[in-house]
C-alpha atoms as a PDB file:
ATOM      1  CA  MET A   1       3.598 -23.740 -21.104  1.00  0.00           C
ATOM      2  CA  GLN A   2       6.614 -22.154 -19.706  1.00  0.00           C
ATOM      3  CA  PHE A   3       6.619 -18.515 -18.451  1.00  0.00           C
ATOM      4  CA  GLY A   4       9.981 -18.395 -17.703  1.00  0.00           C
ATOM      5  CA  LEU A   5       9.959 -18.688 -13.765  1.00  0.00           C
ATOM      6  CA  GLU A   6      11.978 -21.871 -12.593  1.00  0.00           C
ATOM      7  CA  GLY A   7      14.015 -21.180  -9.885  1.00  0.00           C
ATOM      8  CA  ARG A   8      12.657 -17.834  -9.247  1.00  0.00           C
ATOM      9  CA  VAL A   9      11.038 -16.571  -6.176  1.00  0.00           C
ATOM     10  CA  ALA A  10       7.518 -15.501  -5.553  1.00  0.00           C
ATOM     11  CA  TRP A  11       5.580 -14.297  -2.547  1.00  0.00           C
ATOM     12  CA  VAL A  12       1.806 -14.715  -2.824  1.00  0.00           C
ATOM     13  CA  THR A  13      -0.484 -13.633   0.672  1.00  0.00           C
ATOM     14  CA  GLY A  14      -3.980 -14.718   1.122  1.00  0.00           C
ATOM     15  CA  ALA A  15      -2.536 -17.273  -0.391  1.00  0.00           C
ATOM     16  CA  SER A  16      -4.863 -20.087   1.521  1.00  0.00           C
ATOM     17  CA  LYS A  17      -7.445 -20.241  -0.256  1.00  0.00           C
ATOM     18  CA  GLY A  18      -9.272 -19.125  -3.549  1.00  0.00           C
ATOM     19  CA  LEU A  19      -6.872 -16.963  -5.777  1.00  0.00           C
ATOM     20  CA  GLY A  20      -4.491 -16.529  -3.108  1.00  0.00           C
ATOM     21  CA  PHE A  21      -4.155 -20.520  -3.446  1.00  0.00           C
ATOM     22  CA  ALA A  22      -4.365 -20.548  -7.167  1.00  0.00           C
ATOM     23  CA  SER A  23      -1.505 -18.240  -8.160  1.00  0.00           C
ATOM     24  CA  ALA A  24       0.765 -20.257  -5.591  1.00  0.00           C
ATOM     25  CA  MET A  25      -0.213 -23.189  -7.015  1.00  0.00           C
ATOM     26  CA  ALA A  26       0.614 -22.036 -10.562  1.00  0.00           C
ATOM     27  CA  LEU A  27       4.080 -20.264  -9.537  1.00  0.00           C
ATOM     28  CA  ALA A  28       4.952 -23.192  -8.016  1.00  0.00           C
ATOM     29  CA  ARG A  29       3.973 -25.528 -10.864  1.00  0.00           C
ATOM     30  CA  GLU A  30       5.780 -23.418 -13.048  1.00  0.00           C
ATOM     31  CA  GLY A  31       9.379 -23.553 -10.605  1.00  0.00           C
ATOM     32  CA  CYS A  32       9.054 -20.732  -7.978  1.00  0.00           C
ATOM     33  CA  ASP A  33       9.863 -21.690  -4.334  1.00  0.00           C
ATOM     34  CA  LEU A  34       7.388 -19.694  -2.177  1.00  0.00           C
ATOM     35  CA  ALA A  35       6.595 -17.811   0.590  1.00  0.00           C
ATOM     36  CA  ILE A  36       3.183 -17.700   1.667  1.00  0.00           C
ATOM     37  CA  CYS A  37       1.036 -16.433   4.199  1.00  0.00           C
ATOM     38  CA  SER A  38      -3.131 -15.897   5.000  1.00  0.00           C
ATOM     39  CA  ARG A  39      -4.685 -15.010   8.453  1.00  0.00           C
ATOM     40  CA  SER A  40      -4.655 -19.100  10.078  1.00  0.00           C
ATOM     41  CA  GLU A  41      -1.871 -20.840  10.941  1.00  0.00           C
ATOM     42  CA  GLU A  42      -3.759 -24.320   9.973  1.00  0.00           C
ATOM     43  CA  ALA A  43      -4.960 -23.043   6.728  1.00  0.00           C
ATOM     44  CA  ILE A  44      -1.244 -21.706   5.250  1.00  0.00           C
ATOM     45  CA  ALA A  45      -0.030 -24.768   6.637  1.00  0.00           C
ATOM     46  CA  ALA A  46      -2.358 -27.140   4.995  1.00  0.00           C
ATOM     47  CA  ALA A  47      -1.797 -25.228   1.651  1.00  0.00           C
ATOM     48  CA  ALA A  48       1.852 -25.080   1.882  1.00  0.00           C
ATOM     49  CA  GLN A  49       1.417 -28.889   2.737  1.00  0.00           C
ATOM     50  CA  GLN A  50      -0.488 -29.208  -0.628  1.00  0.00           C
ATOM     51  CA  ILE A  51       1.781 -27.207  -2.834  1.00  0.00           C
ATOM     52  CA  ARG A  52       4.547 -29.076  -1.541  1.00  0.00           C
ATOM     53  CA  GLN A  53       3.306 -32.184  -2.307  1.00  0.00           C
ATOM     54  CA  GLU A  54       1.942 -31.651  -5.642  1.00  0.00           C
ATOM     55  CA  THR A  55       4.828 -29.197  -7.056  1.00  0.00           C
ATOM     56  CA  GLY A  56       8.174 -30.269  -4.379  1.00  0.00           C
ATOM     57  CA  ARG A  57       8.915 -26.902  -4.441  1.00  0.00           C
ATOM     58  CA  LYS A  58      10.506 -25.388  -1.378  1.00  0.00           C
ATOM     59  CA  VAL A  59       7.110 -23.675   0.594  1.00  0.00           C
ATOM     60  CA  LEU A  60       7.944 -20.950   3.280  1.00  0.00           C
ATOM     61  CA  ALA A  61       4.402 -20.564   5.208  1.00  0.00           C
ATOM     62  CA  LEU A  62       3.613 -18.278   7.766  1.00  0.00           C
ATOM     63  CA  ALA A  63       0.705 -16.895   9.264  1.00  0.00           C
ATOM     64  CA  ALA A  64       0.499 -13.121   9.007  1.00  0.00           C
ATOM     65  CA  ASP A  65      -2.647 -10.771   8.603  1.00  0.00           C
ATOM     66  CA  VAL A  66      -0.614  -8.709   6.417  1.00  0.00           C
ATOM     67  CA  THR A  67      -3.018  -5.566   7.350  1.00  0.00           C
ATOM     68  CA  ARG A  68      -1.309  -4.965  10.631  1.00  0.00           C
ATOM     69  CA  LYS A  69       2.482  -3.729   9.613  1.00  0.00           C
ATOM     70  CA  ALA A  70       4.587  -5.341  11.913  1.00  0.00           C
ATOM     71  CA  GLU A  71       2.880  -8.773  11.030  1.00  0.00           C
ATOM     72  CA  LEU A  72       3.700  -7.655   7.209  1.00  0.00           C
ATOM     73  CA  ASP A  73       7.488  -6.937   8.473  1.00  0.00           C
ATOM     74  CA  ARG A  74       7.387 -10.415   9.744  1.00  0.00           C
ATOM     75  CA  PHE A  75       6.830 -12.198   6.377  1.00  0.00           C
ATOM     76  CA  VAL A  76       8.943 -10.429   4.635  1.00  0.00           C
ATOM     77  CA  SER A  77      12.018 -10.860   6.710  1.00  0.00           C
ATOM     78  CA  ALA A  78      11.460 -14.157   6.904  1.00  0.00           C
ATOM     79  CA  ALA A  79      11.055 -14.614   2.961  1.00  0.00           C
ATOM     80  CA  LEU A  80      14.170 -12.464   2.515  1.00  0.00           C
ATOM     81  CA  GLY A  81      15.808 -14.123   5.334  1.00  0.00           C
ATOM     82  CA  GLU A  82      14.764 -17.824   4.076  1.00  0.00           C
ATOM     83  CA  PHE A  83      15.238 -16.934   0.279  1.00  0.00           C
ATOM     84  CA  GLN A  84      17.438 -13.853   0.028  1.00  0.00           C
ATOM     85  CA  ARG A  85      15.284 -12.379  -2.492  1.00  0.00           C
ATOM     86  CA  VAL A  86      11.644 -12.406  -4.074  1.00  0.00           C
ATOM     87  CA  ASP A  87      10.974 -12.071  -8.224  1.00  0.00           C
ATOM     88  CA  VAL A  88       7.753 -12.331  -8.106  1.00  0.00           C
ATOM     89  CA  VAL A  89       4.824 -10.363  -5.701  1.00  0.00           C
ATOM     90  CA  VAL A  90       0.882 -11.965  -5.769  1.00  0.00           C
ATOM     91  CA  ALA A  91      -1.011  -9.765  -3.349  1.00  0.00           C
ATOM     92  CA  ASN A  92      -4.146 -11.068  -2.691  1.00  0.00           C
ATOM     93  CA  ALA A  93      -6.855  -9.393  -0.062  1.00  0.00           C
ATOM     94  CA  GLY A  94     -10.330 -10.145   0.650  1.00  0.00           C
ATOM     95  CA  GLY A  95     -12.516  -7.054   0.074  1.00  0.00           C
ATOM     96  CA  PRO A  96     -14.131  -4.550   2.730  1.00  0.00           C
ATOM     97  CA  PRO A  97     -17.760  -5.064   3.611  1.00  0.00           C
ATOM     98  CA  ALA A  98     -20.155  -3.626   0.841  1.00  0.00           C
ATOM     99  CA  GLY A  99     -22.155  -0.633   1.888  1.00  0.00           C
ATOM    100  CA  GLY A 100     -22.965   2.958  -0.125  1.00  0.00           C
ATOM    101  CA  PHE A 101     -20.893   6.335   0.303  1.00  0.00           C
ATOM    102  CA  LEU A 102     -23.248   7.325   3.375  1.00  0.00           C
ATOM    103  CA  ASP A 103     -22.902   4.256   5.367  1.00  0.00           C
ATOM    104  CA  PHE A 104     -19.596   4.494   6.761  1.00  0.00           C
ATOM    105  CA  ASP A 105     -17.840   6.964   8.625  1.00  0.00           C
ATOM    106  CA  ASP A 106     -14.142   7.714   8.676  1.00  0.00           C
ATOM    107  CA  ASP A 107     -13.118   4.645  10.971  1.00  0.00           C
ATOM    108  CA  ALA A 108     -14.056   2.377   8.145  1.00  0.00           C
ATOM    109  CA  TRP A 109     -12.684   4.237   5.315  1.00  0.00           C
ATOM    110  CA  GLN A 110      -9.768   3.757   7.619  1.00  0.00           C
ATOM    111  CA  THR A 111      -9.663   0.470   8.234  1.00  0.00           C
ATOM    112  CA  ALA A 112     -10.469  -0.226   4.383  1.00  0.00           C
ATOM    113  CA  PHE A 113      -7.275   2.194   3.509  1.00  0.00           C
ATOM    114  CA  ASP A 114      -5.096  -0.026   6.087  1.00  0.00           C
ATOM    115  CA  SER A 115      -6.384  -3.723   4.629  1.00  0.00           C
ATOM    116  CA  LEU A 116      -6.418  -2.446   0.559  1.00  0.00           C
ATOM    117  CA  LEU A 117      -3.618  -0.197  -0.488  1.00  0.00           C
ATOM    118  CA  MET A 118      -1.210   0.269   2.652  1.00  0.00           C
ATOM    119  CA  PRO A 119      -0.549  -3.715   2.063  1.00  0.00           C
ATOM    120  CA  ALA A 120       0.289  -2.910  -1.307  1.00  0.00           C
ATOM    121  CA  VAL A 121       2.403   0.345  -0.804  1.00  0.00           C
ATOM    122  CA  ARG A 122       4.327  -2.395   2.014  1.00  0.00           C
ATOM    123  CA  LEU A 123       4.847  -5.187  -0.346  1.00  0.00           C
ATOM    124  CA  SER A 124       5.605  -3.080  -3.238  1.00  0.00           C
ATOM    125  CA  ARG A 125       8.179  -1.153  -0.909  1.00  0.00           C
ATOM    126  CA  ALA A 126       9.906  -3.901   0.313  1.00  0.00           C
ATOM    127  CA  ALA A 127       9.757  -6.221  -3.092  1.00  0.00           C
ATOM    128  CA  ILE A 128      11.510  -3.549  -5.397  1.00  0.00           C
ATOM    129  CA  PRO A 129      14.955  -3.315  -4.044  1.00  0.00           C
ATOM    130  CA  SER A 130      15.385  -7.414  -4.218  1.00  0.00           C
ATOM    131  CA  MET A 131      13.940  -6.603  -7.732  1.00  0.00           C
ATOM    132  CA  ARG A 132      16.000  -3.692  -8.875  1.00  0.00           C
ATOM    133  CA  GLU A 133      19.460  -5.322  -7.912  1.00  0.00           C
ATOM    134  CA  ARG A 134      19.070  -8.545 -10.215  1.00  0.00           C
ATOM    135  CA  GLY A 135      16.997  -6.408 -12.949  1.00  0.00           C
ATOM    136  CA  PHE A 136      14.058  -8.750 -12.873  1.00  0.00           C
ATOM    137  CA  GLY A 137      10.404  -8.212 -10.690  1.00  0.00           C
ATOM    138  CA  ARG A 138       6.911  -9.008 -11.296  1.00  0.00           C
ATOM    139  CA  LEU A 139       4.305  -7.093  -9.071  1.00  0.00           C
ATOM    140  CA  ILE A 140       0.857  -8.356  -9.219  1.00  0.00           C
ATOM    141  CA  TYR A 141      -1.811  -7.211  -7.461  1.00  0.00           C
ATOM    142  CA  ILE A 142      -5.670  -8.842  -7.579  1.00  0.00           C
ATOM    143  CA  THR A 143      -8.397  -6.035  -7.377  1.00  0.00           C
ATOM    144  CA  SER A 144     -11.816  -6.021  -8.689  1.00  0.00           C
ATOM    145  CA  SER A 145     -13.293  -5.440 -11.870  1.00  0.00           C
ATOM    146  CA  GLY A 146     -14.882  -2.605  -9.911  1.00  0.00           C
ATOM    147  CA  VAL A 147     -11.685  -0.873 -11.450  1.00  0.00           C
ATOM    148  CA  LYS A 148     -12.655  -0.457 -14.514  1.00  0.00           C
ATOM    149  CA  GLU A 149     -16.750   0.374 -14.110  1.00  0.00           C
ATOM    150  CA  PRO A 150     -17.756   0.812 -10.055  1.00  0.00           C
ATOM    151  CA  ILE A 151     -19.927  -2.517  -8.790  1.00  0.00           C
ATOM    152  CA  PRO A 152     -22.900  -0.972  -7.008  1.00  0.00           C
ATOM    153  CA  ASN A 153     -22.982  -1.082  -3.265  1.00  0.00           C
ATOM    154  CA  LEU A 154     -19.109  -1.271  -3.139  1.00  0.00           C
ATOM    155  CA  ILE A 155     -17.992   2.039  -2.144  1.00  0.00           C
ATOM    156  CA  LEU A 156     -15.138   1.072  -0.197  1.00  0.00           C
ATOM    157  CA  SER A 157     -13.404  -1.931  -2.537  1.00  0.00           C
ATOM    158  CA  ASN A 158     -14.112   0.681  -5.794  1.00  0.00           C
ATOM    159  CA  SER A 159     -12.637   2.861  -4.457  1.00  0.00           C
ATOM    160  CA  LEU A 160      -9.469   1.809  -3.264  1.00  0.00           C
ATOM    161  CA  ARG A 161      -9.050  -1.456  -5.705  1.00  0.00           C
ATOM    162  CA  ALA A 162      -8.552   1.398  -8.227  1.00  0.00           C
ATOM    163  CA  ALA A 163      -6.051   3.362  -5.935  1.00  0.00           C
ATOM    164  CA  VAL A 164      -4.071   0.110  -5.942  1.00  0.00           C
ATOM    165  CA  THR A 165      -4.168  -0.440  -9.567  1.00  0.00           C
ATOM    166  CA  ASN A 166      -3.442   3.271 -10.416  1.00  0.00           C
ATOM    167  CA  MET A 167      -0.665   2.334  -7.905  1.00  0.00           C
ATOM    168  CA  MET A 168       0.826  -0.059  -9.787  1.00  0.00           C
ATOM    169  CA  LYS A 169       0.256   1.386 -13.197  1.00  0.00           C
ATOM    170  CA  SER A 170       2.155   4.296 -12.038  1.00  0.00           C
ATOM    171  CA  LEU A 171       5.150   1.789 -11.007  1.00  0.00           C
ATOM    172  CA  ALA A 172       5.344   0.122 -14.368  1.00  0.00           C
END
């Protein structure tokens, strides 16, 4: 099936394994060139090599922890420097620890906020101008079924993934 993505550029975070890797591979198979990242340099290099071998697409791979603003900025700068644009963003992030409301202090809440919501804000802010300029863009943020019905013992994830989902609905 063709989705009209041939020749597009996609950024995928958390792309070395799981849903992030599957998303990157699917986009490459649809004809996208990629900028991908994950925290592990070894894992993201291996993922990029596999994607290149199986699809023949151009892949820029960087080790970057997108929960850290400077590293996310470095990823965005490298991706824009390499491709001069972005058409699709797939934001994929692991979840915060399990626990109930009284299990977490302010620092735990701040860490969850910084790891789930702020990377989505920053990626959107970085991508939207490029997308507007060409009149095309797709922002895809992988969250959780907990945004519809909270999952027991996942207060941090339920709360902040819902924030990401509602931010995306507002942008749409």
